[in-house]
Amino acid sequence: MTSVGKAVYDNNCKSSSKLFKRLQCSEFIDDVNKMVKEGKRSSDACVGRALKAGKFKPSEMVCTKTFYNGYNTP
């Protein structure tokens, strides 16, 4: 009986973990990094431009503060 409970617990833990945001937003982050490097724009401007253009869904984006905290490094 104990092993069944442990198996259920382990299965629930696997399905309840949140994915790393970098993996969910990698296309957006790569796009902003490219715009920053090529266009000499700030990440703040790039995030705003992507929001205004509707290029990405909000769930596919990270905020500007996240970029300044280190996501903008390749």
N, C-alpha and C. Protein backbone atom coordinates (compact mmCIF):
# COMPACT_ATOMS: atom_id res chain seq x y z
N MET A 1 0.82 -1.19 0.00
CA MET A 1 0.00 0.00 0.00
C MET A 1 0.86 1.26 0.00
N THR A 2 1.96 1.22 0.72
CA THR A 2 2.84 2.39 0.80
C THR A 2 3.45 2.71 -0.56
N SER A 3 3.83 1.70 -1.32
CA SER A 3 4.45 1.94 -2.62
C SER A 3 3.45 2.55 -3.61
N VAL A 4 2.18 2.20 -3.48
CA VAL A 4 1.15 2.78 -4.34
C VAL A 4 0.99 4.26 -4.03
N GLY A 5 0.96 4.60 -2.76
CA GLY A 5 0.86 6.00 -2.35
C GLY A 5 2.05 6.81 -2.83
N LYS A 6 3.24 6.24 -2.73
CA LYS A 6 4.46 6.90 -3.18
C LYS A 6 4.42 7.12 -4.70
N ALA A 7 3.94 6.13 -5.43
CA ALA A 7 3.85 6.24 -6.89
C ALA A 7 2.87 7.35 -7.29
N VAL A 8 1.74 7.43 -6.61
CA VAL A 8 0.75 8.47 -6.89
C VAL A 8 1.35 9.84 -6.56
N TYR A 9 2.04 9.94 -5.43
CA TYR A 9 2.68 11.19 -5.03
C TYR A 9 3.71 11.64 -6.07
N ASP A 10 4.57 10.73 -6.49
CA ASP A 10 5.60 11.05 -7.48
C ASP A 10 4.98 11.49 -8.81
N ASN A 11 3.92 10.81 -9.23
CA ASN A 11 3.24 11.17 -10.48
C ASN A 11 2.62 12.56 -10.38
N ASN A 12 2.01 12.88 -9.26
CA ASN A 12 1.42 14.20 -9.06
C ASN A 12 2.48 15.29 -9.04
N CYS A 13 3.62 15.00 -8.46
CA CYS A 13 4.70 15.99 -8.42
C CYS A 13 5.22 16.29 -9.81
N LYS A 14 5.32 15.28 -10.66
CA LYS A 14 5.79 15.50 -12.03
C LYS A 14 4.85 16.41 -12.80
N SER A 15 3.56 16.20 -12.65
CA SER A 15 2.60 16.96 -13.43
C SER A 15 2.32 18.34 -12.84
N SER A 16 2.76 18.60 -11.62
CA SER A 16 2.46 19.89 -11.01
C SER A 16 3.58 20.90 -11.14
N SER A 17 4.72 20.49 -11.62
CA SER A 17 5.85 21.42 -11.70
C SER A 17 5.67 22.39 -12.86
N LYS A 18 6.05 23.62 -12.62
CA LYS A 18 5.93 24.66 -13.62
C LYS A 18 7.16 24.64 -14.52
N LEU A 19 6.95 24.83 -15.81
CA LEU A 19 8.07 24.86 -16.75
C LEU A 19 8.89 26.11 -16.57
N PHE A 20 10.16 26.00 -16.86
CA PHE A 20 11.06 27.13 -16.82
C PHE A 20 10.61 28.13 -17.89
N LYS A 21 10.41 29.37 -17.49
CA LYS A 21 9.86 30.40 -18.38
C LYS A 21 10.72 30.58 -19.63
N ARG A 22 12.01 30.41 -19.51
CA ARG A 22 12.91 30.57 -20.66
C ARG A 22 12.55 29.60 -21.76
N LEU A 23 12.14 28.40 -21.41
CA LEU A 23 11.76 27.41 -22.40
C LEU A 23 10.45 27.77 -23.09
N GLN A 24 9.52 28.34 -22.35
CA GLN A 24 8.23 28.71 -22.92
C GLN A 24 8.35 29.94 -23.83
N CYS A 25 9.32 30.79 -23.57
CA CYS A 25 9.41 32.07 -24.27
C CYS A 25 10.67 32.18 -25.11
N SER A 26 11.29 31.09 -25.47
CA SER A 26 12.58 31.14 -26.13
C SER A 26 12.53 31.87 -27.48
N GLU A 27 11.46 31.71 -28.23
CA GLU A 27 11.36 32.39 -29.53
C GLU A 27 11.31 33.90 -29.33
N PHE A 28 10.53 34.35 -28.36
CA PHE A 28 10.43 35.78 -28.07
C PHE A 28 11.77 36.33 -27.58
N ILE A 29 12.41 35.63 -26.67
CA ILE A 29 13.68 36.08 -26.12
C ILE A 29 14.75 36.15 -27.21
N ASP A 30 14.78 35.15 -28.07
CA ASP A 30 15.74 35.17 -29.17
C ASP A 30 15.46 36.33 -30.12
N ASP A 31 14.19 36.60 -30.38
CA ASP A 31 13.81 37.70 -31.26
C ASP A 31 14.23 39.05 -30.68
N VAL A 32 14.00 39.24 -29.39
CA VAL A 32 14.39 40.50 -28.74
C VAL A 32 15.91 40.63 -28.72
N ASN A 33 16.61 39.55 -28.41
CA ASN A 33 18.08 39.60 -28.42
C ASN A 33 18.60 39.99 -29.80
N LYS A 34 18.00 39.44 -30.84
CA LYS A 34 18.41 39.76 -32.20
C LYS A 34 18.15 41.24 -32.50
N MET A 35 16.98 41.74 -32.12
CA MET A 35 16.66 43.16 -32.36
C MET A 35 17.61 44.08 -31.59
N VAL A 36 17.97 43.70 -30.38
CA VAL A 36 18.88 44.52 -29.57
C VAL A 36 20.26 44.56 -30.23
N LYS A 37 20.75 43.42 -30.66
CA LYS A 37 22.09 43.35 -31.25
C LYS A 37 22.16 44.02 -32.62
N GLU A 38 21.17 43.79 -33.46
CA GLU A 38 21.20 44.32 -34.82
C GLU A 38 20.72 45.76 -34.91
N GLY A 39 19.69 46.09 -34.15
CA GLY A 39 19.09 47.40 -34.28
C GLY A 39 19.55 48.41 -33.26
N LYS A 40 20.42 47.98 -32.36
CA LYS A 40 20.91 48.87 -31.31
C LYS A 40 19.76 49.49 -30.52
N ARG A 41 18.74 48.69 -30.24
CA ARG A 41 17.60 49.14 -29.45
C ARG A 41 17.72 48.57 -28.04
N SER A 42 17.04 49.20 -27.10
CA SER A 42 17.01 48.66 -25.75
C SER A 42 16.01 47.50 -25.71
N SER A 43 16.20 46.62 -24.75
CA SER A 43 15.24 45.51 -24.63
C SER A 43 13.87 46.04 -24.25
N ASP A 44 13.81 47.16 -23.55
CA ASP A 44 12.54 47.79 -23.21
C ASP A 44 11.78 48.18 -24.48
N ALA A 45 12.47 48.79 -25.41
CA ALA A 45 11.84 49.19 -26.68
C ALA A 45 11.39 47.96 -27.48
N CYS A 46 12.18 46.92 -27.45
CA CYS A 46 11.84 45.71 -28.20
C CYS A 46 10.62 45.00 -27.61
N VAL A 47 10.54 44.95 -26.29
CA VAL A 47 9.38 44.33 -25.64
C VAL A 47 8.13 45.15 -25.95
N GLY A 48 8.24 46.47 -25.86
CA GLY A 48 7.10 47.34 -26.18
C GLY A 48 6.66 47.20 -27.62
N ARG A 49 7.62 47.11 -28.51
CA ARG A 49 7.30 46.95 -29.94
C ARG A 49 6.58 45.63 -30.20
N ALA A 50 7.04 44.56 -29.57
CA ALA A 50 6.40 43.26 -29.74
C ALA A 50 4.98 43.26 -29.18
N LEU A 51 4.79 43.93 -28.04
CA LEU A 51 3.44 44.04 -27.47
C LEU A 51 2.51 44.82 -28.39
N LYS A 52 2.99 45.95 -28.87
CA LYS A 52 2.16 46.81 -29.73
C LYS A 52 1.80 46.12 -31.04
N ALA A 53 2.75 45.40 -31.61
CA ALA A 53 2.52 44.73 -32.89
C ALA A 53 1.71 43.45 -32.75
N GLY A 54 1.60 42.94 -31.53
CA GLY A 54 0.87 41.68 -31.34
C GLY A 54 1.59 40.50 -31.93
N LYS A 55 2.90 40.60 -32.02
CA LYS A 55 3.70 39.54 -32.64
C LYS A 55 3.72 38.26 -31.80
N PHE A 56 3.62 38.41 -30.49
CA PHE A 56 3.63 37.27 -29.57
C PHE A 56 2.45 37.38 -28.61
N LYS A 57 1.98 36.24 -28.14
CA LYS A 57 0.96 36.22 -27.10
C LYS A 57 1.63 36.59 -25.78
N PRO A 58 0.90 37.18 -24.85
CA PRO A 58 1.50 37.50 -23.55
C PRO A 58 2.10 36.29 -22.84
N SER A 59 1.51 35.13 -23.04
CA SER A 59 2.05 33.92 -22.40
C SER A 59 3.37 33.48 -23.02
N GLU A 60 3.70 34.03 -24.19
CA GLU A 60 4.95 33.69 -24.87
C GLU A 60 6.04 34.73 -24.63
N MET A 61 5.76 35.68 -23.74
CA MET A 61 6.68 36.79 -23.51
C MET A 61 7.11 36.86 -22.05
N VAL A 62 8.24 37.52 -21.85
CA VAL A 62 8.68 37.88 -20.51
C VAL A 62 8.70 39.41 -20.45
N CYS A 63 8.62 39.96 -19.25
CA CYS A 63 8.59 41.42 -19.12
C CYS A 63 9.99 42.00 -19.26
N THR A 64 10.05 43.31 -19.40
CA THR A 64 11.32 44.01 -19.56
C THR A 64 12.23 43.78 -18.36
N LYS A 65 11.66 43.78 -17.18
CA LYS A 65 12.47 43.59 -15.97
C LYS A 65 13.19 42.24 -16.01
N THR A 66 12.53 41.24 -16.55
CA THR A 66 13.15 39.93 -16.66
C THR A 66 14.37 39.98 -17.56
N PHE A 67 14.30 40.75 -18.64
CA PHE A 67 15.46 40.91 -19.52
C PHE A 67 16.61 41.57 -18.77
N TYR A 68 16.31 42.60 -18.04
CA TYR A 68 17.36 43.30 -17.31
C TYR A 68 17.93 42.46 -16.18
N ASN A 69 17.21 41.45 -15.75
CA ASN A 69 17.72 40.55 -14.70
C ASN A 69 18.53 39.40 -15.27
N GLY A 70 18.74 39.35 -16.57
CA GLY A 70 19.67 38.37 -17.09
C GLY A 70 19.22 37.43 -18.18
N TYR A 71 17.98 37.52 -18.64
CA TYR A 71 17.57 36.62 -19.71
C TYR A 71 18.13 37.02 -21.06
N ASN A 72 18.62 38.21 -21.18
CA ASN A 72 19.07 38.68 -22.50
C ASN A 72 20.47 38.24 -22.83
N THR A 73 21.03 37.33 -22.08
CA THR A 73 22.35 36.81 -22.42
C THR A 73 22.19 35.51 -23.14
N PRO A 74 22.88 35.31 -24.25
CA PRO A 74 22.71 34.08 -25.02
C PRO A 74 23.24 32.85 -24.32
